[in-house]
């Protein structure tokens, strides 16, 4: 299996689009420790039979986003962009897991 085979279709599509527009490299949103959010979210959703989404409505640059669990705001998370414009949430994957665990108790 190649690294390309391990990437979801949406990741490959984003890479193609960015290459076509001569944009910087794509990397999915991730936590401060480098762990991809989609991997942690999928694990937690399966374990707790819930839907987890990062959500920002009417936010300005620098505003925190909400983490929704089954469409209910559970907690806020800070975010930033790396040098290539990719989203980085300013907490570790372990801290995110802990916050979700507390919210679903």
C-alpha atoms as a PDB file:
ATOM      1  CA  UNK A   1       0.000   0.000   0.000  1.00  0.00           C
ATOM      2  CA  UNK A   2       1.358   3.409  -0.928  1.00  0.00           C
ATOM      3  CA  UNK A   3       0.936   6.613   1.057  1.00  0.00           C
ATOM      4  CA  UNK A   4      -1.521   7.779  -1.623  1.00  0.00           C
ATOM      5  CA  UNK A   5      -3.702   4.691  -1.027  1.00  0.00           C
ATOM      6  CA  UNK A   6      -3.936   5.578   2.672  1.00  0.00           C
ATOM      7  CA  UNK A   7      -5.305   9.065   2.001  1.00  0.00           C
ATOM      8  CA  UNK A   8      -9.101   9.540   1.878  1.00  0.00           C
ATOM      9  CA  UNK A   9     -10.621  10.704  -1.420  1.00  0.00           C
ATOM     10  CA  UNK A  10     -11.371  14.204  -0.031  1.00  0.00           C
ATOM     11  CA  UNK A  11      -7.686  14.642   0.827  1.00  0.00           C
ATOM     12  CA  UNK A  12      -6.552  13.619  -2.654  1.00  0.00           C
ATOM     13  CA  UNK A  13      -9.129  15.947  -4.248  1.00  0.00           C
ATOM     14  CA  UNK A  14      -7.898  18.855  -2.141  1.00  0.00           C
ATOM     15  CA  UNK A  15      -4.288  18.127  -3.114  1.00  0.00           C
ATOM     16  CA  UNK A  16      -5.234  18.087  -6.822  1.00  0.00           C
ATOM     17  CA  UNK A  17      -7.156  21.359  -6.549  1.00  0.00           C
ATOM     18  CA  UNK A  18      -4.318  23.115  -4.745  1.00  0.00           C
ATOM     19  CA  UNK A  19      -1.742  21.832  -7.226  1.00  0.00           C
ATOM     20  CA  UNK A  20      -3.902  23.013 -10.138  1.00  0.00           C
ATOM     21  CA  UNK A  21      -4.043  26.511  -8.632  1.00  0.00           C
ATOM     22  CA  UNK A  22      -0.355  26.489  -7.685  1.00  0.00           C
ATOM     23  CA  UNK A  23      -1.208  26.824  -3.987  1.00  0.00           C
ATOM     24  CA  UNK A  24       0.941  25.621  -1.064  1.00  0.00           C
ATOM     25  CA  UNK A  25       0.837  21.993   0.036  1.00  0.00           C
ATOM     26  CA  UNK A  26      -2.334  20.673   1.650  1.00  0.00           C
ATOM     27  CA  UNK A  27      -2.413  19.078   5.051  1.00  0.00           C
ATOM     28  CA  UNK A  28      -5.711  18.304   6.813  1.00  0.00           C
ATOM     29  CA  UNK A  29      -6.611  20.091  10.016  1.00  0.00           C
ATOM     30  CA  UNK A  30      -4.611  18.846  12.947  1.00  0.00           C
ATOM     31  CA  UNK A  31      -4.026  19.328  16.625  1.00  0.00           C
ATOM     32  CA  UNK A  32      -1.011  21.079  18.138  1.00  0.00           C
ATOM     33  CA  UNK A  33       0.777  17.724  18.479  1.00  0.00           C
ATOM     34  CA  UNK A  34       0.426  17.053  14.729  1.00  0.00           C
ATOM     35  CA  UNK A  35      -2.300  14.394  14.988  1.00  0.00           C
ATOM     36  CA  UNK A  36      -4.958  14.811  12.284  1.00  0.00           C
ATOM     37  CA  UNK A  37      -8.367  15.799  13.609  1.00  0.00           C
ATOM     38  CA  UNK A  38     -10.269  13.458  11.285  1.00  0.00           C
ATOM     39  CA  UNK A  39      -8.522  10.433  12.813  1.00  0.00           C
ATOM     40  CA  UNK A  40      -9.336  11.401  16.408  1.00  0.00           C
ATOM     41  CA  UNK A  41     -12.887  12.498  15.592  1.00  0.00           C
ATOM     42  CA  UNK A  42     -13.685   9.232  13.777  1.00  0.00           C
ATOM     43  CA  UNK A  43     -12.411   7.207  16.734  1.00  0.00           C
ATOM     44  CA  UNK A  44     -14.437   9.221  19.273  1.00  0.00           C
ATOM     45  CA  UNK A  45     -17.594   9.190  17.150  1.00  0.00           C
ATOM     46  CA  UNK A  46     -17.430   5.404  16.868  1.00  0.00           C
ATOM     47  CA  UNK A  47     -16.753   4.926  20.582  1.00  0.00           C
ATOM     48  CA  UNK A  48     -19.550   7.239  21.742  1.00  0.00           C
ATOM     49  CA  UNK A  49     -22.026   6.852  18.861  1.00  0.00           C
ATOM     50  CA  UNK A  50     -22.153  10.594  18.293  1.00  0.00           C
ATOM     51  CA  UNK A  51     -21.342  13.248  15.704  1.00  0.00           C
ATOM     52  CA  UNK A  52     -18.477  15.661  16.405  1.00  0.00           C
ATOM     53  CA  UNK A  53     -17.990  18.820  14.333  1.00  0.00           C
ATOM     54  CA  UNK A  54     -15.808  21.913  14.491  1.00  0.00           C
ATOM     55  CA  UNK A  55     -18.022  24.907  13.862  1.00  0.00           C
ATOM     56  CA  UNK A  56     -17.512  28.611  13.415  1.00  0.00           C
ATOM     57  CA  UNK A  57     -20.470  30.798  12.550  1.00  0.00           C
ATOM     58  CA  UNK A  58     -20.044  34.522  11.947  1.00  0.00           C
ATOM     59  CA  UNK A  59     -16.531  34.376  13.337  1.00  0.00           C
ATOM     60  CA  UNK A  60     -13.727  36.770  12.633  1.00  0.00           C
ATOM     61  CA  UNK A  61     -10.119  35.772  12.157  1.00  0.00           C
ATOM     62  CA  UNK A  62      -8.704  34.662  15.487  1.00  0.00           C
ATOM     63  CA  UNK A  63     -12.063  33.798  17.046  1.00  0.00           C
ATOM     64  CA  UNK A  64     -12.431  30.437  18.744  1.00  0.00           C
ATOM     65  CA  UNK A  65     -14.602  27.784  17.139  1.00  0.00           C
ATOM     66  CA  UNK A  66     -17.170  25.597  18.863  1.00  0.00           C
ATOM     67  CA  UNK A  67     -16.913  21.852  19.025  1.00  0.00           C
ATOM     68  CA  UNK A  68     -20.405  20.447  18.557  1.00  0.00           C
ATOM     69  CA  UNK A  69     -21.372  17.025  19.816  1.00  0.00           C
ATOM     70  CA  UNK A  70     -24.618  15.889  18.246  1.00  0.00           C
ATOM     71  CA  UNK A  71     -25.178  19.516  17.178  1.00  0.00           C
ATOM     72  CA  UNK A  72     -24.907  20.835  20.728  1.00  0.00           C
ATOM     73  CA  UNK A  73     -22.005  23.167  21.630  1.00  0.00           C
ATOM     74  CA  UNK A  74     -19.702  21.273  23.998  1.00  0.00           C
ATOM     75  CA  UNK A  75     -16.621  23.505  24.267  1.00  0.00           C
ATOM     76  CA  UNK A  76     -14.545  26.053  22.366  1.00  0.00           C
ATOM     77  CA  UNK A  77     -11.203  25.506  20.700  1.00  0.00           C
ATOM     78  CA  UNK A  78      -8.582  28.002  19.536  1.00  0.00           C
ATOM     79  CA  UNK A  79      -7.278  27.661  16.014  1.00  0.00           C
ATOM     80  CA  UNK A  80      -4.642  29.140  13.789  1.00  0.00           C
ATOM     81  CA  UNK A  81      -3.164  28.559  10.341  1.00  0.00           C
ATOM     82  CA  UNK A  82       0.273  27.202   9.501  1.00  0.00           C
ATOM     83  CA  UNK A  83       2.538  28.827   6.910  1.00  0.00           C
ATOM     84  CA  UNK A  84       0.678  27.004   4.113  1.00  0.00           C
ATOM     85  CA  UNK A  85      -2.770  28.126   5.307  1.00  0.00           C
ATOM     86  CA  UNK A  86      -3.781  24.804   6.861  1.00  0.00           C
ATOM     87  CA  UNK A  87      -5.784  24.751  10.120  1.00  0.00           C
ATOM     88  CA  UNK A  88      -4.099  23.854  13.392  1.00  0.00           C
ATOM     89  CA  UNK A  89      -6.198  23.586  16.565  1.00  0.00           C
ATOM     90  CA  UNK A  90      -4.290  24.886  19.563  1.00  0.00           C
ATOM     91  CA  UNK A  91      -4.646  21.906  21.870  1.00  0.00           C
ATOM     92  CA  UNK A  92      -3.193  18.418  21.840  1.00  0.00           C
ATOM     93  CA  UNK A  93      -5.125  15.419  20.606  1.00  0.00           C
ATOM     94  CA  UNK A  94      -5.056  14.055  24.172  1.00  0.00           C
ATOM     95  CA  UNK A  95      -6.596  17.266  25.547  1.00  0.00           C
ATOM     96  CA  UNK A  96      -9.280  17.150  22.831  1.00  0.00           C
ATOM     97  CA  UNK A  97     -10.101  13.532  23.719  1.00  0.00           C
ATOM     98  CA  UNK A  98     -10.375  14.478  27.398  1.00  0.00           C
ATOM     99  CA  UNK A  99     -12.756  17.362  26.647  1.00  0.00           C
ATOM    100  CA  UNK A 100     -14.958  15.154  24.486  1.00  0.00           C
ATOM    101  CA  UNK A 101     -14.976  12.411  27.141  1.00  0.00           C
ATOM    102  CA  UNK A 102     -16.094  14.943  29.789  1.00  0.00           C
ATOM    103  CA  UNK A 103     -18.785  16.337  27.473  1.00  0.00           C
ATOM    104  CA  UNK A 104     -20.345  12.949  26.695  1.00  0.00           C
ATOM    105  CA  UNK A 105     -20.389  11.723  30.313  1.00  0.00           C
END
